[in-house]
N, C-alpha and C. Protein backbone atom coordinates (compact mmCIF):
# COMPACT_ATOMS: atom_id res chain seq x y z
N GLN A 1 119.26 100.89 136.61
CA GLN A 1 119.78 102.38 137.28
C GLN A 1 119.19 102.20 138.53
N VAL A 2 119.87 102.62 139.36
CA VAL A 2 119.29 103.04 140.75
C VAL A 2 118.51 104.22 141.14
N GLN A 3 117.67 104.12 141.41
CA GLN A 3 116.72 105.31 141.68
C GLN A 3 116.16 105.32 143.20
N LEU A 4 115.89 106.50 143.90
CA LEU A 4 115.46 106.66 145.03
C LEU A 4 114.03 107.61 145.15
N GLN A 5 113.42 107.16 145.97
CA GLN A 5 111.84 107.94 146.04
C GLN A 5 111.13 108.34 147.64
N GLU A 6 111.29 109.53 147.96
CA GLU A 6 110.71 109.56 148.98
C GLU A 6 109.27 109.51 148.95
N SER A 7 108.53 109.26 150.22
CA SER A 7 107.22 109.04 150.39
C SER A 7 106.71 109.39 151.58
N GLY A 8 105.59 110.15 152.00
CA GLY A 8 105.26 110.34 153.16
C GLY A 8 104.11 111.47 153.49
N PRO A 9 103.49 112.05 154.27
CA PRO A 9 102.58 112.84 154.59
C PRO A 9 103.17 114.35 154.13
N GLY A 10 102.33 115.34 153.62
CA GLY A 10 102.86 116.37 153.21
C GLY A 10 102.66 117.43 154.23
N LEU A 11 101.64 117.04 155.25
CA LEU A 11 101.30 117.94 156.30
C LEU A 11 101.43 117.39 157.83
N VAL A 12 101.89 117.67 158.72
CA VAL A 12 102.10 117.25 159.94
C VAL A 12 101.80 118.34 160.94
N LYS A 13 101.02 117.74 162.00
CA LYS A 13 100.58 118.71 163.17
C LYS A 13 101.88 118.79 164.44
N PRO A 14 102.00 119.87 164.68
CA PRO A 14 103.01 120.10 165.74
C PRO A 14 102.79 118.85 167.12
N SER A 15 103.90 118.51 167.61
CA SER A 15 104.02 117.48 168.39
C SER A 15 103.75 115.84 167.69
N GLN A 16 103.34 115.89 166.53
CA GLN A 16 103.50 114.61 166.02
C GLN A 16 104.48 114.06 165.68
N THR A 17 104.31 112.49 165.43
CA THR A 17 105.56 112.15 164.60
C THR A 17 105.69 112.04 163.12
N LEU A 18 106.89 112.46 162.68
CA LEU A 18 106.82 112.18 161.15
C LEU A 18 107.50 111.13 160.80
N SER A 19 106.80 110.36 159.68
CA SER A 19 107.38 109.14 159.07
C SER A 19 107.82 109.46 157.50
N LEU A 20 108.68 109.15 157.10
CA LEU A 20 109.00 109.21 155.68
C LEU A 20 109.63 107.93 155.34
N THR A 21 109.43 107.58 154.18
CA THR A 21 109.91 106.33 153.57
C THR A 21 110.84 106.91 152.38
N CYS A 22 112.09 106.03 152.21
CA CYS A 22 112.79 106.04 150.90
C CYS A 22 112.67 104.61 150.56
N THR A 23 112.57 104.61 149.25
CA THR A 23 112.21 103.46 148.41
C THR A 23 113.14 103.36 147.42
N VAL A 24 114.47 102.30 147.67
CA VAL A 24 115.42 102.17 146.61
C VAL A 24 115.05 101.02 145.51
N SER A 25 115.14 101.39 144.52
CA SER A 25 115.11 100.33 143.29
C SER A 25 116.28 100.25 142.36
N GLY A 26 116.45 99.19 141.92
CA GLY A 26 117.55 99.07 140.97
C GLY A 26 118.90 98.71 141.75
N GLY A 27 118.78 98.49 142.99
CA GLY A 27 119.92 98.15 143.85
C GLY A 27 119.62 97.90 145.44
N SER A 28 120.36 97.34 145.87
CA SER A 28 120.02 96.80 147.16
C SER A 28 120.47 97.59 148.21
N ILE A 29 119.57 97.98 149.33
CA ILE A 29 120.36 98.96 150.34
C ILE A 29 121.54 98.03 151.39
N THR A 30 121.66 96.93 151.35
CA THR A 30 122.59 96.37 151.69
C THR A 30 124.00 96.12 151.16
N THR A 31 124.08 96.49 149.84
CA THR A 31 125.08 96.49 149.30
C THR A 31 126.20 97.02 149.70
N ASN A 32 127.42 96.46 150.12
CA ASN A 32 128.54 96.92 150.90
C ASN A 32 129.10 98.37 150.22
N ASN A 33 129.72 99.06 151.35
CA ASN A 33 130.00 100.36 151.26
C ASN A 33 129.04 101.59 150.75
N TYR A 34 127.90 101.39 151.05
CA TYR A 34 126.80 102.33 150.74
C TYR A 34 126.17 102.91 152.03
N PHE A 35 126.02 104.00 152.08
CA PHE A 35 125.20 104.63 153.16
C PHE A 35 123.90 105.50 152.56
N TRP A 36 123.01 105.64 153.35
CA TRP A 36 121.58 105.99 152.98
C TRP A 36 121.26 107.01 154.06
N SER A 37 121.16 108.33 153.34
CA SER A 37 121.21 109.42 154.27
C SER A 37 119.88 110.31 154.04
N TRP A 38 119.47 110.87 155.22
CA TRP A 38 118.34 111.69 155.26
C TRP A 38 118.87 113.16 155.20
N ILE A 39 118.73 113.97 154.50
CA ILE A 39 118.89 115.51 154.05
C ILE A 39 117.79 116.35 154.00
N ARG A 40 117.61 117.27 154.45
CA ARG A 40 116.41 118.30 154.58
C ARG A 40 116.84 119.75 154.41
N GLN A 41 116.07 120.84 153.66
CA GLN A 41 116.27 121.66 153.38
C GLN A 41 115.12 122.82 153.74
N PRO A 42 115.23 123.37 154.80
CA PRO A 42 114.08 124.44 155.08
C PRO A 42 114.15 125.38 154.29
N PRO A 43 112.89 126.28 154.00
CA PRO A 43 112.66 127.30 153.13
C PRO A 43 113.85 128.29 153.29
N GLY A 44 114.37 128.85 152.37
CA GLY A 44 115.39 129.74 152.36
C GLY A 44 116.64 129.47 153.01
N ARG A 45 116.63 128.25 153.49
CA ARG A 45 118.02 128.01 154.24
C ARG A 45 118.80 126.54 153.37
N GLY A 46 119.95 126.28 153.71
CA GLY A 46 120.80 125.30 152.83
C GLY A 46 120.39 124.02 153.46
N LEU A 47 121.16 122.91 153.05
CA LEU A 47 121.16 121.67 153.24
C LEU A 47 121.36 121.31 154.59
N GLU A 48 120.63 120.20 155.30
CA GLU A 48 121.10 120.05 156.52
C GLU A 48 121.14 118.56 156.66
N TRP A 49 122.09 117.79 156.98
CA TRP A 49 122.11 116.36 156.98
C TRP A 49 121.79 116.02 158.55
N MET A 50 120.93 114.90 158.12
CA MET A 50 120.05 114.87 159.54
C MET A 50 120.63 113.17 160.18
N GLY A 51 121.12 112.23 159.10
CA GLY A 51 121.76 111.08 159.89
C GLY A 51 121.62 110.04 158.47
N ALA A 52 122.17 109.12 158.64
CA ALA A 52 122.33 107.94 157.83
C ALA A 52 122.11 106.37 158.50
N ILE A 53 121.95 105.60 157.51
CA ILE A 53 121.95 104.21 157.89
C ILE A 53 122.68 103.53 157.08
N ALA A 54 123.83 102.67 157.57
CA ALA A 54 124.96 101.95 156.28
C ALA A 54 124.27 100.65 156.06
N TYR A 55 125.18 100.52 155.06
CA TYR A 55 124.72 99.03 154.45
C TYR A 55 124.66 97.68 155.44
N SER A 56 125.32 97.92 156.55
CA SER A 56 125.63 97.00 157.83
C SER A 56 124.35 97.28 158.73
N GLY A 57 123.32 98.42 158.64
CA GLY A 57 122.40 98.58 159.31
C GLY A 57 123.05 99.43 160.64
N ASN A 58 123.95 99.71 160.79
CA ASN A 58 124.30 100.85 161.70
C ASN A 58 124.01 102.33 161.25
N THR A 59 123.59 103.19 162.42
CA THR A 59 122.75 104.24 162.17
C THR A 59 123.89 105.20 162.65
N TYR A 60 123.93 106.59 162.00
CA TYR A 60 124.74 107.63 162.46
C TYR A 60 123.56 108.90 162.27
N TYR A 61 123.86 109.87 163.13
CA TYR A 61 122.88 111.01 163.48
C TYR A 61 123.46 112.38 163.64
N SER A 62 123.06 113.34 163.15
CA SER A 62 123.49 114.74 163.47
C SER A 62 123.22 115.05 164.95
N PRO A 63 124.37 115.35 165.58
CA PRO A 63 123.99 115.79 167.07
C PRO A 63 122.43 116.72 167.27
N SER A 64 122.39 117.68 166.19
CA SER A 64 121.42 118.54 166.52
C SER A 64 120.19 117.85 166.40
N VAL A 65 119.92 116.59 165.51
CA VAL A 65 118.47 116.07 165.71
C VAL A 65 118.56 114.87 166.66
N LYS A 66 119.55 114.38 166.83
CA LYS A 66 119.77 112.99 167.45
C LYS A 66 118.53 112.44 168.43
N SER A 67 118.01 113.58 169.27
CA SER A 67 117.34 113.32 170.24
C SER A 67 115.78 112.86 169.50
N HIS A 68 115.45 113.30 168.63
CA HIS A 68 114.07 113.07 168.03
C HIS A 68 114.10 112.29 166.68
N THR A 69 115.23 111.88 166.56
CA THR A 69 115.43 111.07 165.25
C THR A 69 115.86 109.71 165.20
N SER A 70 114.89 109.18 164.39
CA SER A 70 115.19 107.53 164.12
C SER A 70 115.08 107.17 162.93
N ILE A 71 116.28 106.41 162.18
CA ILE A 71 116.55 106.00 161.15
C ILE A 71 116.26 104.40 160.95
N SER A 72 115.58 103.63 160.28
CA SER A 72 115.66 102.54 160.22
C SER A 72 115.27 101.71 158.60
N ARG A 73 115.43 100.61 158.50
CA ARG A 73 115.22 100.12 157.24
C ARG A 73 114.65 98.91 157.20
N ASP A 74 114.29 98.51 156.08
CA ASP A 74 113.35 97.27 155.76
C ASP A 74 113.87 96.38 154.56
N THR A 75 114.92 95.60 154.74
CA THR A 75 115.69 95.24 154.00
C THR A 75 114.85 94.30 152.58
N SER A 76 113.59 93.54 153.43
CA SER A 76 112.91 92.87 152.53
C SER A 76 112.11 93.82 151.57
N LYS A 77 111.90 95.17 151.92
CA LYS A 77 111.32 95.99 151.05
C LYS A 77 112.01 97.00 150.42
N ASN A 78 113.24 97.09 150.81
CA ASN A 78 114.36 97.77 150.35
C ASN A 78 113.98 99.30 150.63
N GLN A 79 113.80 99.65 151.76
CA GLN A 79 113.35 101.07 152.23
C GLN A 79 114.15 101.17 153.57
N VAL A 80 114.30 102.64 153.26
CA VAL A 80 114.54 103.28 154.36
C VAL A 80 113.84 104.32 155.02
N THR A 81 113.56 104.10 156.48
CA THR A 81 112.67 105.12 157.12
C THR A 81 113.36 106.13 157.80
N LEU A 82 112.70 107.24 157.92
CA LEU A 82 112.78 108.44 158.81
C LEU A 82 111.63 108.52 159.74
N GLN A 83 112.21 108.68 161.08
CA GLN A 83 110.96 109.04 162.02
C GLN A 83 111.79 110.39 162.74
N LEU A 84 110.89 111.44 162.91
CA LEU A 84 111.08 112.36 163.44
C LEU A 84 109.83 112.89 164.47
N SER A 85 110.40 112.62 165.84
CA SER A 85 109.05 112.69 166.73
C SER A 85 109.31 114.35 167.15
N SER A 86 107.95 114.61 167.90
CA SER A 86 107.90 115.92 168.69
C SER A 86 108.36 117.03 167.45
N VAL A 87 107.63 117.33 166.25
CA VAL A 87 107.87 118.07 165.28
C VAL A 87 107.29 119.62 165.55
N THR A 88 108.34 120.65 165.23
CA THR A 88 107.55 121.85 165.62
C THR A 88 107.77 122.63 164.14
N PRO A 89 107.24 123.70 163.81
CA PRO A 89 107.25 124.24 162.59
C PRO A 89 108.68 124.34 162.09
N GLU A 90 109.48 124.27 162.90
CA GLU A 90 110.89 124.61 162.35
C GLU A 90 111.17 123.24 161.53
N ASP A 91 110.51 122.40 161.64
CA ASP A 91 110.82 121.13 160.98
C ASP A 91 110.42 121.17 159.40
N THR A 92 109.65 122.08 159.17
CA THR A 92 109.04 122.30 158.02
C THR A 92 110.42 122.45 156.95
N ALA A 93 110.48 121.61 155.70
CA ALA A 93 111.26 121.66 154.60
C ALA A 93 111.14 120.26 153.88
N VAL A 94 111.80 120.75 152.72
CA VAL A 94 111.95 119.41 151.76
C VAL A 94 112.90 118.64 152.31
N TYR A 95 112.61 117.23 152.28
CA TYR A 95 113.29 116.20 152.88
C TYR A 95 113.69 115.13 151.45
N TYR A 96 114.86 114.87 151.58
CA TYR A 96 115.46 114.05 150.49
C TYR A 96 116.10 112.76 151.42
N CYS A 97 116.14 111.91 150.66
CA CYS A 97 116.95 110.50 150.85
C CYS A 97 117.95 110.91 149.68
N ALA A 98 119.34 110.13 149.97
CA ALA A 98 120.49 110.15 149.24
C ALA A 98 121.52 109.23 149.38
N ARG A 99 122.10 108.83 148.53
CA ARG A 99 123.15 107.52 148.65
C ARG A 99 124.50 108.19 149.04
N GLN A 100 125.29 107.88 149.70
CA GLN A 100 126.73 108.19 149.92
C GLN A 100 127.40 107.04 149.59
N SER A 101 128.09 107.16 148.68
CA SER A 101 129.32 105.84 148.23
C SER A 101 130.48 105.85 149.48
N GLY A 102 130.76 104.79 149.81
CA GLY A 102 132.03 104.70 150.75
C GLY A 102 131.72 105.81 151.93
N TRP A 103 133.00 105.77 152.63
CA TRP A 103 133.25 106.70 153.64
C TRP A 103 133.60 108.23 153.46
N ASN A 104 132.87 108.80 152.47
CA ASN A 104 133.39 110.10 151.76
C ASN A 104 131.93 110.92 152.28
N TYR A 105 132.35 111.32 153.46
CA TYR A 105 131.06 111.91 154.09
C TYR A 105 130.46 113.25 153.65
N HIS A 106 129.34 113.49 153.35
CA HIS A 106 128.49 114.26 152.70
C HIS A 106 128.67 114.58 151.47
N ILE A 107 129.10 113.54 150.41
CA ILE A 107 129.47 113.64 149.25
C ILE A 107 128.28 112.38 148.64
N TYR A 108 127.32 112.62 147.99
CA TYR A 108 126.28 111.90 147.40
C TYR A 108 126.18 111.85 146.17
N ASP A 109 125.96 110.45 145.59
CA ASP A 109 126.14 110.25 144.04
C ASP A 109 124.65 110.18 143.79
N LEU A 110 123.72 109.86 144.54
CA LEU A 110 122.36 109.94 144.30
C LEU A 110 121.39 110.42 145.02
N TRP A 111 120.35 111.12 144.53
CA TRP A 111 119.21 111.71 145.44
C TRP A 111 117.86 111.37 145.09
N GLY A 112 116.87 111.45 145.85
CA GLY A 112 115.47 111.31 145.56
C GLY A 112 115.11 112.79 145.09
N GLN A 113 113.96 112.74 144.56
CA GLN A 113 113.41 114.17 144.13
C GLN A 113 113.07 115.01 145.46
N GLY A 114 112.73 114.62 146.26
CA GLY A 114 112.77 115.43 147.79
C GLY A 114 111.27 115.07 147.73
N THR A 115 110.46 115.78 149.09
CA THR A 115 109.48 115.63 149.53
C THR A 115 108.91 116.65 150.39
N GLN A 116 108.09 117.74 150.06
CA GLN A 116 107.84 118.65 151.12
C GLN A 116 106.99 118.24 152.25
N VAL A 117 107.26 118.65 153.11
CA VAL A 117 106.93 118.38 154.57
C VAL A 117 106.53 119.64 155.25
N THR A 118 105.18 120.19 155.63
CA THR A 118 105.04 121.17 156.17
C THR A 118 104.36 120.80 157.74
N VAL A 119 104.87 121.60 158.59
CA VAL A 119 104.56 121.27 159.96
C VAL A 119 103.61 122.72 160.41
N SER A 120 102.47 122.47 160.84
CA SER A 120 101.21 123.50 160.86
C SER A 120 100.24 122.57 161.68
N SER A 121 99.47 123.53 162.50
CA SER A 121 98.21 123.19 163.21
C SER A 121 97.18 123.74 162.39
């Protein structure tokens, strides 16, 4: 079975760069027709899609975060990485990685457990 696990720092200071890693086990991130997304949920708010990287390596971003967001992958480690630069307290959220099957936008068949990130000085 395929599993996703997020990891990274729980506390980040404003203006720093947040780096989170999604480790995929039981399947390959290069398998055709799968997309690997980063989604976050600020406290008291709904889910916000940030971006994704496709099986091909192509990346896609939400316009609202594109200027500060970078998604990359390490195929040898089967990992997807999110980098969010110049963070502010508004970036405090639970961050999830999730798998999208095919071109069905924002429909995910697998989720990680999520990791809490707090931006505070």
